[in-house]
Amino acid sequence: MIFLATKLALFAVISGVCGHAVVEDPPPRKWTSSRVEIDADYKCNAFLCRGYQFEDNTDNVQVLKAGEVLYFHINLIAGHHPGYANVSIVNTATNEIIGEPLRSWDNWPDHLSGPPRDDIDYNVTIPDTLGSTCSQAGNCVIQWYWYASGNKQTYESCHDFYVES
């Protein structure tokens, strides 16, 4: 019985660390050693990619072209807190969305949408209006953002990319 209780407690901790939903594809930014080194003074912007650093994700930077379609898969661990979600391109220097969201949902997660579920498996198209803003790695991210209104929490993931002309 103690062994079962230990396993359940460990599962609860792991689930809490993972959050309620996470982008699995394309590979999002992760937390590794650069975050500790760069943010040693604790002044990171937690509202930009949860404070995860570009330097930790240079191996996953994707080169895209305007008009290219990019597939997303969200691992929905627990979607019992409805809210809204969007996928947007964000300028990392200003932490502002560039243009309109690439996808948005007024009610996310939408368990009534499938199968197939177009809220956890979907495509976005890279706009042709980015100009030179996103022409260098680290200048922009594709951000998946979910605000769960029931528990008033935000969940987000960022994908590093740059647009090649």
N, C-alpha and C. Protein backbone atom coordinates (compact mmCIF):
# COMPACT_ATOMS: atom_id res chain seq x y z
N MET A 1 0.81 -1.19 0.00
CA MET A 1 0.00 0.00 0.00
C MET A 1 0.86 1.26 0.00
N ILE A 2 1.95 1.24 0.79
CA ILE A 2 2.84 2.40 0.83
C ILE A 2 3.47 2.60 -0.54
N PHE A 3 3.84 1.49 -1.20
CA PHE A 3 4.44 1.57 -2.53
C PHE A 3 3.48 2.23 -3.52
N LEU A 4 2.20 1.86 -3.47
CA LEU A 4 1.19 2.44 -4.35
C LEU A 4 1.03 3.94 -4.06
N ALA A 5 0.99 4.30 -2.79
CA ALA A 5 0.86 5.72 -2.43
C ALA A 5 2.06 6.51 -2.93
N THR A 6 3.25 5.94 -2.83
CA THR A 6 4.46 6.60 -3.32
C THR A 6 4.39 6.80 -4.82
N LYS A 7 3.95 5.77 -5.54
CA LYS A 7 3.83 5.88 -7.00
C LYS A 7 2.81 6.95 -7.39
N LEU A 8 1.69 6.98 -6.70
CA LEU A 8 0.66 7.98 -6.99
C LEU A 8 1.16 9.40 -6.69
N ALA A 9 1.88 9.57 -5.61
CA ALA A 9 2.43 10.89 -5.28
C ALA A 9 3.45 11.31 -6.32
N LEU A 10 4.29 10.40 -6.75
CA LEU A 10 5.29 10.70 -7.78
C LEU A 10 4.60 11.08 -9.09
N PHE A 11 3.56 10.36 -9.46
CA PHE A 11 2.82 10.67 -10.67
C PHE A 11 2.20 12.07 -10.59
N ALA A 12 1.66 12.42 -9.43
CA ALA A 12 1.05 13.74 -9.26
C ALA A 12 2.09 14.84 -9.42
N VAL A 13 3.28 14.64 -8.88
CA VAL A 13 4.34 15.63 -9.01
C VAL A 13 4.77 15.76 -10.47
N ILE A 14 4.98 14.64 -11.14
CA ILE A 14 5.39 14.67 -12.55
C ILE A 14 4.32 15.33 -13.40
N SER A 15 3.07 15.02 -13.17
CA SER A 15 1.98 15.63 -13.93
C SER A 15 1.95 17.14 -13.71
N GLY A 16 2.17 17.57 -12.49
CA GLY A 16 2.18 19.00 -12.20
C GLY A 16 3.32 19.71 -12.89
N VAL A 17 4.47 19.07 -12.95
CA VAL A 17 5.63 19.67 -13.62
C VAL A 17 5.38 19.77 -15.11
N CYS A 18 4.76 18.76 -15.68
CA CYS A 18 4.51 18.76 -17.12
C CYS A 18 3.44 19.78 -17.50
N GLY A 19 2.60 20.17 -16.58
CA GLY A 19 1.51 21.08 -16.90
C GLY A 19 0.32 20.29 -17.41
N HIS A 20 -0.65 21.00 -17.93
CA HIS A 20 -1.85 20.36 -18.40
C HIS A 20 -1.84 20.11 -19.90
N ALA A 21 -0.96 20.79 -20.61
CA ALA A 21 -0.81 20.59 -22.05
C ALA A 21 0.57 21.10 -22.45
N VAL A 22 1.15 20.43 -23.43
CA VAL A 22 2.48 20.82 -23.88
C VAL A 22 2.61 20.53 -25.37
N VAL A 23 3.28 21.43 -26.07
CA VAL A 23 3.56 21.21 -27.49
C VAL A 23 4.62 20.12 -27.59
N GLU A 24 4.37 19.12 -28.41
CA GLU A 24 5.36 18.08 -28.66
C GLU A 24 5.99 18.23 -30.04
N ASP A 25 5.22 18.75 -30.99
CA ASP A 25 5.72 18.90 -32.35
C ASP A 25 5.17 20.20 -32.92
N PRO A 26 6.00 21.10 -33.38
CA PRO A 26 7.46 21.06 -33.49
C PRO A 26 8.11 21.20 -32.12
N PRO A 27 9.38 20.80 -32.01
CA PRO A 27 10.05 20.82 -30.70
C PRO A 27 10.07 22.22 -30.08
N PRO A 28 9.52 22.36 -28.87
CA PRO A 28 9.51 23.68 -28.22
C PRO A 28 10.82 23.94 -27.47
N ARG A 29 10.96 25.17 -27.02
CA ARG A 29 12.09 25.51 -26.15
C ARG A 29 12.00 24.69 -24.87
N LYS A 30 13.15 24.33 -24.35
CA LYS A 30 13.25 23.58 -23.10
C LYS A 30 14.09 24.37 -22.11
N TRP A 31 14.05 23.95 -20.87
CA TRP A 31 14.86 24.57 -19.83
C TRP A 31 16.11 23.74 -19.63
N THR A 32 17.26 24.35 -19.87
CA THR A 32 18.54 23.70 -19.59
C THR A 32 19.48 24.73 -18.97
N SER A 33 20.76 24.49 -19.04
CA SER A 33 21.74 25.29 -18.29
C SER A 33 21.80 26.76 -18.69
N SER A 34 21.52 27.12 -19.91
CA SER A 34 21.62 28.52 -20.32
C SER A 34 20.67 29.40 -19.53
N ARG A 35 19.52 28.88 -19.19
CA ARG A 35 18.55 29.68 -18.43
C ARG A 35 19.15 30.08 -17.09
N VAL A 36 19.84 29.16 -16.44
CA VAL A 36 20.44 29.45 -15.14
C VAL A 36 21.55 30.49 -15.30
N GLU A 37 22.40 30.32 -16.32
CA GLU A 37 23.51 31.24 -16.54
C GLU A 37 23.02 32.63 -16.94
N ILE A 38 22.10 32.71 -17.88
CA ILE A 38 21.63 33.99 -18.39
C ILE A 38 20.78 34.72 -17.35
N ASP A 39 19.98 33.97 -16.62
CA ASP A 39 19.05 34.58 -15.66
C ASP A 39 19.53 34.45 -14.22
N ALA A 40 20.83 34.51 -14.02
CA ALA A 40 21.37 34.36 -12.66
C ALA A 40 20.85 35.44 -11.72
N ASP A 41 20.48 36.60 -12.27
CA ASP A 41 19.96 37.68 -11.43
C ASP A 41 18.43 37.65 -11.32
N TYR A 42 17.82 36.60 -11.83
CA TYR A 42 16.37 36.38 -11.74
C TYR A 42 15.55 37.48 -12.40
N LYS A 43 16.06 38.03 -13.48
CA LYS A 43 15.33 39.07 -14.19
C LYS A 43 14.85 38.59 -15.56
N CYS A 44 14.64 37.30 -15.69
CA CYS A 44 14.15 36.79 -16.97
C CYS A 44 12.70 37.24 -17.17
N ASN A 45 12.30 37.28 -18.41
CA ASN A 45 10.92 37.62 -18.73
C ASN A 45 10.12 36.33 -18.77
N ALA A 46 9.47 36.01 -17.69
CA ALA A 46 8.69 34.77 -17.61
C ALA A 46 7.49 34.78 -18.54
N PHE A 47 7.13 35.96 -19.05
CA PHE A 47 5.99 36.06 -19.96
C PHE A 47 6.40 35.92 -21.42
N LEU A 48 7.68 35.67 -21.67
CA LEU A 48 8.16 35.36 -23.02
C LEU A 48 8.72 33.95 -22.99
N CYS A 49 8.00 33.03 -23.56
CA CYS A 49 8.43 31.62 -23.63
C CYS A 49 8.71 31.03 -22.25
N ARG A 50 7.96 31.48 -21.25
CA ARG A 50 8.09 30.99 -19.87
C ARG A 50 9.49 31.21 -19.31
N GLY A 51 10.24 32.13 -19.92
CA GLY A 51 11.61 32.39 -19.48
C GLY A 51 12.63 31.45 -20.09
N TYR A 52 12.17 30.49 -20.89
CA TYR A 52 13.11 29.57 -21.55
C TYR A 52 13.92 30.35 -22.57
N GLN A 53 15.19 30.03 -22.69
CA GLN A 53 16.12 30.83 -23.47
C GLN A 53 16.39 30.25 -24.86
N PHE A 54 16.57 31.14 -25.81
CA PHE A 54 16.93 30.75 -27.17
C PHE A 54 18.21 29.92 -27.18
N GLU A 55 19.17 30.29 -26.35
CA GLU A 55 20.47 29.60 -26.33
C GLU A 55 20.35 28.12 -25.98
N ASP A 56 19.29 27.74 -25.32
CA ASP A 56 19.06 26.33 -24.98
C ASP A 56 18.41 25.55 -26.12
N ASN A 57 18.05 26.22 -27.18
CA ASN A 57 17.27 25.57 -28.23
C ASN A 57 17.89 25.71 -29.62
N THR A 58 19.13 26.10 -29.72
CA THR A 58 19.72 26.35 -31.04
C THR A 58 19.73 25.11 -31.93
N ASP A 59 19.72 23.93 -31.35
CA ASP A 59 19.69 22.70 -32.17
C ASP A 59 18.33 22.45 -32.80
N ASN A 60 17.29 23.14 -32.32
CA ASN A 60 15.93 22.91 -32.83
C ASN A 60 15.40 24.07 -33.67
N VAL A 61 16.25 25.03 -34.02
CA VAL A 61 15.79 26.16 -34.83
C VAL A 61 15.42 25.63 -36.21
N GLN A 62 14.26 26.01 -36.68
CA GLN A 62 13.77 25.53 -37.97
C GLN A 62 13.81 26.66 -38.98
N VAL A 63 14.30 26.35 -40.18
CA VAL A 63 14.33 27.31 -41.28
C VAL A 63 13.04 27.12 -42.07
N LEU A 64 12.25 28.19 -42.19
CA LEU A 64 10.96 28.12 -42.87
C LEU A 64 10.91 29.15 -43.99
N LYS A 65 9.96 28.97 -44.87
CA LYS A 65 9.71 29.93 -45.96
C LYS A 65 8.28 30.43 -45.84
N ALA A 66 8.05 31.65 -46.31
CA ALA A 66 6.69 32.19 -46.34
C ALA A 66 5.81 31.23 -47.14
N GLY A 67 4.64 30.95 -46.63
CA GLY A 67 3.71 30.04 -47.28
C GLY A 67 3.89 28.59 -46.86
N GLU A 68 4.96 28.29 -46.15
CA GLU A 68 5.19 26.91 -45.72
C GLU A 68 4.21 26.53 -44.61
N VAL A 69 3.78 25.28 -44.63
CA VAL A 69 2.83 24.77 -43.65
C VAL A 69 3.60 23.99 -42.59
N LEU A 70 3.29 24.28 -41.33
CA LEU A 70 3.97 23.66 -40.20
C LEU A 70 2.94 22.92 -39.35
N TYR A 71 3.20 21.65 -39.09
CA TYR A 71 2.30 20.80 -38.30
C TYR A 71 2.56 21.00 -36.80
N PHE A 72 1.50 21.04 -36.01
CA PHE A 72 1.58 21.12 -34.55
C PHE A 72 0.85 19.94 -33.94
N HIS A 73 1.42 19.40 -32.87
CA HIS A 73 0.73 18.41 -32.04
C HIS A 73 0.86 18.85 -30.59
N ILE A 74 -0.27 18.95 -29.91
CA ILE A 74 -0.32 19.30 -28.50
C ILE A 74 -0.65 18.04 -27.71
N ASN A 75 0.17 17.73 -26.71
CA ASN A 75 -0.13 16.63 -25.81
C ASN A 75 -1.02 17.19 -24.71
N LEU A 76 -2.30 16.91 -24.81
CA LEU A 76 -3.27 17.40 -23.83
C LEU A 76 -3.31 16.41 -22.67
N ILE A 77 -2.67 16.78 -21.58
CA ILE A 77 -2.55 15.91 -20.42
C ILE A 77 -3.83 15.97 -19.59
N ALA A 78 -4.32 17.18 -19.36
CA ALA A 78 -5.57 17.37 -18.62
C ALA A 78 -6.21 18.65 -19.13
N GLY A 79 -7.35 18.51 -19.76
CA GLY A 79 -8.01 19.68 -20.33
C GLY A 79 -9.28 20.04 -19.63
N HIS A 80 -9.29 19.92 -18.32
CA HIS A 80 -10.51 20.18 -17.57
C HIS A 80 -10.69 21.66 -17.22
N HIS A 81 -9.80 22.51 -17.68
CA HIS A 81 -9.92 23.95 -17.44
C HIS A 81 -10.08 24.66 -18.77
N PRO A 82 -11.30 24.84 -19.23
CA PRO A 82 -11.49 25.47 -20.54
C PRO A 82 -11.04 26.93 -20.52
N GLY A 83 -10.75 27.42 -21.70
CA GLY A 83 -10.33 28.80 -21.86
C GLY A 83 -10.20 29.10 -23.34
N TYR A 84 -9.23 29.92 -23.68
CA TYR A 84 -8.99 30.23 -25.09
C TYR A 84 -7.52 29.98 -25.40
N ALA A 85 -7.22 29.82 -26.68
CA ALA A 85 -5.85 29.53 -27.09
C ALA A 85 -5.58 30.16 -28.44
N ASN A 86 -4.30 30.35 -28.72
CA ASN A 86 -3.91 30.84 -30.04
C ASN A 86 -2.49 30.43 -30.35
N VAL A 87 -2.16 30.51 -31.62
CA VAL A 87 -0.80 30.30 -32.11
C VAL A 87 -0.44 31.57 -32.86
N SER A 88 0.64 32.21 -32.43
CA SER A 88 1.01 33.50 -33.00
C SER A 88 2.52 33.57 -33.21
N ILE A 89 2.93 34.46 -34.07
CA ILE A 89 4.35 34.76 -34.22
C ILE A 89 4.63 35.95 -33.32
N VAL A 90 5.66 35.81 -32.48
CA VAL A 90 6.00 36.84 -31.50
C VAL A 90 7.41 37.36 -31.78
N ASN A 91 7.54 38.68 -31.77
CA ASN A 91 8.84 39.34 -31.87
C ASN A 91 9.47 39.24 -30.49
N THR A 92 10.61 38.56 -30.37
CA THR A 92 11.20 38.33 -29.05
C THR A 92 11.82 39.59 -28.45
N ALA A 93 12.14 40.59 -29.26
CA ALA A 93 12.71 41.84 -28.73
C ALA A 93 11.65 42.67 -28.03
N THR A 94 10.42 42.61 -28.52
CA THR A 94 9.34 43.43 -27.96
C THR A 94 8.29 42.62 -27.21
N ASN A 95 8.33 41.29 -27.36
CA ASN A 95 7.32 40.39 -26.80
C ASN A 95 5.92 40.77 -27.27
N GLU A 96 5.82 41.13 -28.55
CA GLU A 96 4.53 41.49 -29.14
C GLU A 96 4.23 40.58 -30.32
N ILE A 97 2.95 40.29 -30.48
CA ILE A 97 2.50 39.47 -31.59
C ILE A 97 2.65 40.25 -32.89
N ILE A 98 3.16 39.57 -33.91
CA ILE A 98 3.29 40.17 -35.23
C ILE A 98 2.06 39.77 -36.04
N GLY A 99 1.26 40.73 -36.44
CA GLY A 99 0.07 40.44 -37.24
C GLY A 99 -1.00 39.74 -36.43
N GLU A 100 -1.84 39.02 -37.15
CA GLU A 100 -2.94 38.28 -36.54
C GLU A 100 -2.46 36.90 -36.12
N PRO A 101 -3.13 36.27 -35.13
CA PRO A 101 -2.78 34.89 -34.79
C PRO A 101 -2.89 33.97 -36.00
N LEU A 102 -2.01 32.98 -36.06
CA LEU A 102 -2.05 32.00 -37.14
C LEU A 102 -3.23 31.05 -36.97
N ARG A 103 -3.58 30.76 -35.73
CA ARG A 103 -4.76 29.96 -35.36
C ARG A 103 -5.27 30.51 -34.04
N SER A 104 -6.57 30.41 -33.83
CA SER A 104 -7.10 30.79 -32.53
C SER A 104 -8.36 29.98 -32.25
N TRP A 105 -8.61 29.76 -30.97
CA TRP A 105 -9.77 29.02 -30.51
C TRP A 105 -10.40 29.81 -29.37
N ASP A 106 -11.68 30.10 -29.49
CA ASP A 106 -12.40 30.79 -28.42
C ASP A 106 -12.68 29.86 -27.25
N ASN A 107 -12.77 28.56 -27.54
CA ASN A 107 -13.04 27.55 -26.53
C ASN A 107 -12.01 26.44 -26.68
N TRP A 108 -11.01 26.44 -25.81
CA TRP A 108 -9.94 25.43 -25.89
C TRP A 108 -9.73 24.84 -24.51
N PRO A 109 -9.57 23.55 -24.37
CA PRO A 109 -9.67 22.53 -25.40
C PRO A 109 -11.12 22.25 -25.76
N ASP A 110 -11.30 21.85 -26.99
CA ASP A 110 -12.64 21.59 -27.51
C ASP A 110 -12.81 20.09 -27.73
N HIS A 111 -13.24 19.39 -26.70
CA HIS A 111 -13.39 17.94 -26.80
C HIS A 111 -14.50 17.54 -27.76
N LEU A 112 -15.30 18.50 -28.20
CA LEU A 112 -16.37 18.20 -29.15
C LEU A 112 -15.93 18.31 -30.61
N SER A 113 -14.67 18.69 -30.84
CA SER A 113 -14.23 18.98 -32.20
C SER A 113 -13.81 17.77 -33.01
N GLY A 114 -13.85 16.59 -32.46
CA GLY A 114 -13.32 15.49 -33.27
C GLY A 114 -13.81 14.16 -32.78
N PRO A 115 -13.24 13.09 -33.24
CA PRO A 115 -11.99 13.05 -34.00
C PRO A 115 -12.21 13.38 -35.48
N PRO A 116 -11.21 13.84 -36.17
CA PRO A 116 -9.91 14.24 -35.63
C PRO A 116 -10.03 15.55 -34.87
N ARG A 117 -9.16 15.74 -33.90
CA ARG A 117 -9.18 16.92 -33.04
C ARG A 117 -8.36 18.04 -33.67
N ASP A 118 -9.01 19.06 -34.18
CA ASP A 118 -8.26 20.16 -34.80
C ASP A 118 -7.78 21.18 -33.77
N ASP A 119 -7.94 20.88 -32.49
CA ASP A 119 -7.38 21.75 -31.46
C ASP A 119 -6.07 21.22 -30.91
N ILE A 120 -5.76 19.94 -31.15
CA ILE A 120 -4.49 19.39 -30.69
C ILE A 120 -3.61 18.89 -31.83
N ASP A 121 -4.17 18.71 -33.00
CA ASP A 121 -3.43 18.35 -34.21
C ASP A 121 -3.88 19.28 -35.32
N TYR A 122 -2.99 20.16 -35.75
CA TYR A 122 -3.38 21.18 -36.72
C TYR A 122 -2.15 21.70 -37.46
N ASN A 123 -2.40 22.47 -38.49
CA ASN A 123 -1.34 23.11 -39.28
C ASN A 123 -1.47 24.61 -39.18
N VAL A 124 -0.33 25.29 -39.31
CA VAL A 124 -0.32 26.74 -39.46
C VAL A 124 0.50 27.06 -40.70
N THR A 125 0.18 28.17 -41.33
CA THR A 125 0.90 28.61 -42.53
C THR A 125 1.71 29.85 -42.17
N ILE A 126 2.98 29.83 -42.54
CA ILE A 126 3.87 30.96 -42.27
C ILE A 126 3.47 32.11 -43.20
N PRO A 127 3.13 33.28 -42.64
CA PRO A 127 2.67 34.39 -43.47
C PRO A 127 3.80 35.00 -44.30
N ASP A 128 3.40 35.67 -45.37
CA ASP A 128 4.38 36.33 -46.24
C ASP A 128 4.57 37.80 -45.86
N THR A 129 4.08 38.18 -44.69
CA THR A 129 4.13 39.58 -44.26
C THR A 129 5.18 39.86 -43.19
N LEU A 130 6.06 38.91 -42.93
CA LEU A 130 7.03 39.07 -41.85
C LEU A 130 8.22 39.94 -42.23
N GLY A 131 8.46 40.09 -43.52
CA GLY A 131 9.59 40.90 -43.98
C GLY A 131 10.89 40.40 -43.39
N SER A 132 11.74 41.33 -42.97
CA SER A 132 13.04 40.95 -42.41
C SER A 132 12.98 40.75 -40.90
N THR A 133 11.83 40.99 -40.29
CA THR A 133 11.71 40.89 -38.83
C THR A 133 12.14 39.53 -38.31
N CYS A 134 11.77 38.48 -39.01
CA CYS A 134 12.06 37.11 -38.55
C CYS A 134 13.12 36.43 -39.41
N SER A 135 14.03 37.21 -39.97
CA SER A 135 15.03 36.63 -40.88
C SER A 135 16.27 36.10 -40.16
N GLN A 136 16.36 36.28 -38.85
CA GLN A 136 17.48 35.76 -38.07
C GLN A 136 16.95 34.91 -36.93
N ALA A 137 17.63 33.79 -36.68
CA ALA A 137 17.26 32.93 -35.57
C ALA A 137 17.32 33.71 -34.26
N GLY A 138 16.30 33.56 -33.45
CA GLY A 138 16.23 34.24 -32.16
C GLY A 138 15.39 35.50 -32.17
N ASN A 139 15.09 36.04 -33.36
CA ASN A 139 14.30 37.27 -33.44
C ASN A 139 12.82 37.03 -33.21
N CYS A 140 12.34 35.85 -33.58
CA CYS A 140 10.91 35.54 -33.50
C CYS A 140 10.72 34.11 -33.01
N VAL A 141 9.56 33.86 -32.46
CA VAL A 141 9.14 32.51 -32.10
C VAL A 141 7.71 32.32 -32.57
N ILE A 142 7.35 31.07 -32.79
CA ILE A 142 5.94 30.72 -32.96
C ILE A 142 5.49 30.25 -31.58
N GLN A 143 4.54 30.99 -31.02
CA GLN A 143 4.11 30.74 -29.65
C GLN A 143 2.72 30.13 -29.62
N TRP A 144 2.60 29.00 -28.92
CA TRP A 144 1.30 28.43 -28.60
C TRP A 144 0.96 28.92 -27.19
N TYR A 145 -0.23 29.50 -27.04
CA TYR A 145 -0.64 30.12 -25.78
C TYR A 145 -2.04 29.65 -25.42
N TRP A 146 -2.22 29.22 -24.18
CA TRP A 146 -3.53 28.79 -23.68
C TRP A 146 -3.77 29.49 -22.35
N TYR A 147 -4.88 30.20 -22.25
CA TYR A 147 -5.32 30.77 -20.99
C TYR A 147 -6.51 29.97 -20.50
N ALA A 148 -6.34 29.28 -19.38
CA ALA A 148 -7.41 28.48 -18.79
C ALA A 148 -8.16 29.38 -17.81
N SER A 149 -9.37 29.76 -18.19
CA SER A 149 -10.12 30.73 -17.39
C SER A 149 -10.60 30.16 -16.06
N GLY A 150 -10.82 28.85 -15.99
CA GLY A 150 -11.31 28.25 -14.76
C GLY A 150 -10.32 28.38 -13.61
N ASN A 151 -9.06 28.12 -13.88
CA ASN A 151 -8.05 28.23 -12.82
C ASN A 151 -7.14 29.44 -13.00
N LYS A 152 -7.45 30.27 -14.01
CA LYS A 152 -6.72 31.51 -14.27
C LYS A 152 -5.22 31.27 -14.41
N GLN A 153 -4.87 30.27 -15.23
CA GLN A 153 -3.47 29.95 -15.48
C GLN A 153 -3.18 30.05 -16.97
N THR A 154 -1.92 30.32 -17.27
CA THR A 154 -1.49 30.35 -18.66
C THR A 154 -0.51 29.21 -18.91
N TYR A 155 -0.56 28.70 -20.11
CA TYR A 155 0.35 27.66 -20.56
C TYR A 155 0.86 28.12 -21.92
N GLU A 156 2.15 27.98 -22.14
CA GLU A 156 2.67 28.39 -23.43
C GLU A 156 3.91 27.59 -23.78
N SER A 157 4.15 27.51 -25.07
CA SER A 157 5.35 26.89 -25.61
C SER A 157 5.80 27.74 -26.78
N CYS A 158 7.10 27.78 -27.00
CA CYS A 158 7.65 28.56 -28.10
C CYS A 158 8.50 27.67 -29.00
N HIS A 159 8.38 27.91 -30.30
CA HIS A 159 9.18 27.20 -31.29
C HIS A 159 10.06 28.22 -32.00
N ASP A 160 11.37 27.98 -31.97
CA ASP A 160 12.32 28.89 -32.62
C ASP A 160 12.42 28.59 -34.11
N PHE A 161 12.44 29.66 -34.89
CA PHE A 161 12.51 29.54 -36.34
C PHE A 161 13.07 30.83 -36.91
N TYR A 162 13.39 30.79 -38.18
CA TYR A 162 13.59 32.02 -38.93
C TYR A 162 13.13 31.79 -40.35
N VAL A 163 12.78 32.88 -41.02
CA VAL A 163 12.24 32.80 -42.37
C VAL A 163 13.35 33.09 -43.36
N GLU A 164 13.51 32.16 -44.26
CA GLU A 164 14.50 32.30 -45.33
C GLU A 164 13.77 32.80 -46.57
N SER A 165 14.37 33.78 -47.23
CA SER A 165 13.70 34.32 -48.43
C SER A 165 14.03 33.53 -49.67
